[in-house]
Amino acid sequence: MDESRKQFGDWIKCTERLPKAGVPVLILFNGEVRIGEICWEYPSHEETYEAFRYWDCPYNDGQDWEVLDITHWMPLPKIIE
């Protein structure tokens, strides 16, 4: 088992695949596990009008991270009944 697999388990590298937009997932941010979701912004007032994506915390309005700040993600675990 390679070292990254031991450290991150079933984490998915963001360079390999991103989650569906707007779906909360676990993210790895500077070595800390947090909950985040990928979002798309469609500006209407900028010169380029180009859509861009960023990571956001669905439970903390205004807490967003640059796309490159998040290295890995994984689906939220199922709730125990």
Protein backbone atom coordinates (compact mmCIF):
# COMPACT_ATOMS: atom_id res chain seq x y z
CA MET A 1 0.00 0.00 0.00
CA ASP A 2 1.52 3.36 -0.96
CA GLU A 3 1.97 6.12 1.61
CA SER A 4 -0.78 8.40 0.31
CA ARG A 5 -3.29 5.52 0.50
CA LYS A 6 -2.32 4.88 4.14
CA GLN A 7 -2.63 8.55 5.02
CA PHE A 8 -5.78 9.39 3.07
CA GLY A 9 -7.61 6.05 2.81
CA ASP A 10 -10.36 6.30 0.24
CA TRP A 11 -9.88 10.01 -0.37
CA ILE A 12 -10.21 11.12 -3.99
CA LYS A 13 -7.61 13.49 -5.43
CA CYS A 14 -9.17 16.69 -6.75
CA THR A 15 -6.85 16.49 -9.74
CA GLU A 16 -8.48 13.16 -10.68
CA ARG A 17 -12.16 13.96 -10.11
CA LEU A 18 -14.39 16.54 -8.43
CA PRO A 19 -17.73 15.90 -6.72
CA LYS A 20 -21.02 17.04 -8.18
CA ALA A 21 -21.58 20.78 -7.60
CA GLY A 22 -23.66 21.68 -4.55
CA VAL A 23 -23.26 18.30 -2.81
CA PRO A 24 -21.60 18.44 0.65
CA VAL A 25 -18.54 16.18 0.98
CA LEU A 26 -15.58 15.79 3.32
CA ILE A 27 -12.60 17.83 2.14
CA LEU A 28 -8.95 17.95 3.13
CA PHE A 29 -7.87 21.56 3.65
CA ASN A 30 -4.30 22.16 4.87
CA GLY A 31 -4.30 18.76 6.58
CA GLU A 32 -7.67 19.32 8.31
CA VAL A 33 -10.90 17.52 7.50
CA ARG A 34 -13.86 19.82 6.89
CA ILE A 35 -17.20 19.73 5.11
CA GLY A 36 -17.36 21.61 1.84
CA GLU A 37 -19.00 21.66 -1.55
CA ILE A 38 -17.83 22.72 -4.98
CA CYS A 39 -19.73 25.72 -6.37
CA TRP A 40 -19.88 27.47 -9.72
CA GLU A 41 -20.01 31.24 -10.01
CA TYR A 42 -21.45 32.83 -13.12
CA PRO A 43 -20.50 36.50 -12.97
CA SER A 44 -22.59 38.95 -14.91
CA HIS A 45 -20.69 42.14 -14.17
CA GLU A 46 -17.06 41.29 -14.92
CA GLU A 47 -15.27 41.88 -18.16
CA THR A 48 -14.71 38.19 -18.93
CA TYR A 49 -18.10 36.83 -17.83
CA GLU A 50 -16.37 33.46 -17.48
CA ALA A 51 -17.77 30.95 -15.03
CA PHE A 52 -15.39 29.69 -12.36
CA ARG A 53 -15.56 27.19 -9.53
CA TYR A 54 -14.58 27.37 -5.89
CA TRP A 55 -15.04 25.37 -2.68
CA ASP A 56 -17.52 26.64 -0.10
CA CYS A 57 -18.68 25.61 3.36
CA PRO A 58 -22.43 24.87 3.15
CA TYR A 59 -22.86 25.62 6.87
CA ASN A 60 -20.87 28.86 7.13
CA ASP A 61 -21.97 31.58 4.73
CA GLY A 62 -18.99 33.38 3.32
CA GLN A 63 -16.38 30.69 4.09
CA ASP A 64 -14.90 29.79 0.76
CA TRP A 65 -11.61 28.29 -0.33
CA GLU A 66 -9.65 28.50 -3.55
CA VAL A 67 -9.97 25.42 -5.76
CA LEU A 68 -6.27 24.60 -5.36
CA ASP A 69 -6.45 24.81 -1.53
CA ILE A 70 -8.45 21.57 -1.39
CA THR A 71 -6.38 18.54 -2.37
CA HIS A 72 -8.69 15.59 -1.62
CA TRP A 73 -12.37 14.86 -0.98
CA MET A 74 -14.65 11.94 -0.18
CA PRO A 75 -18.41 11.43 0.14
CA LEU A 76 -19.92 12.03 3.57
CA PRO A 77 -20.30 8.80 5.53
CA LYS A 78 -23.77 7.29 5.77
CA ILE A 79 -25.71 8.15 8.91
CA ILE A 80 -25.97 5.30 11.41
CA GLU A 81 -29.58 4.35 12.08
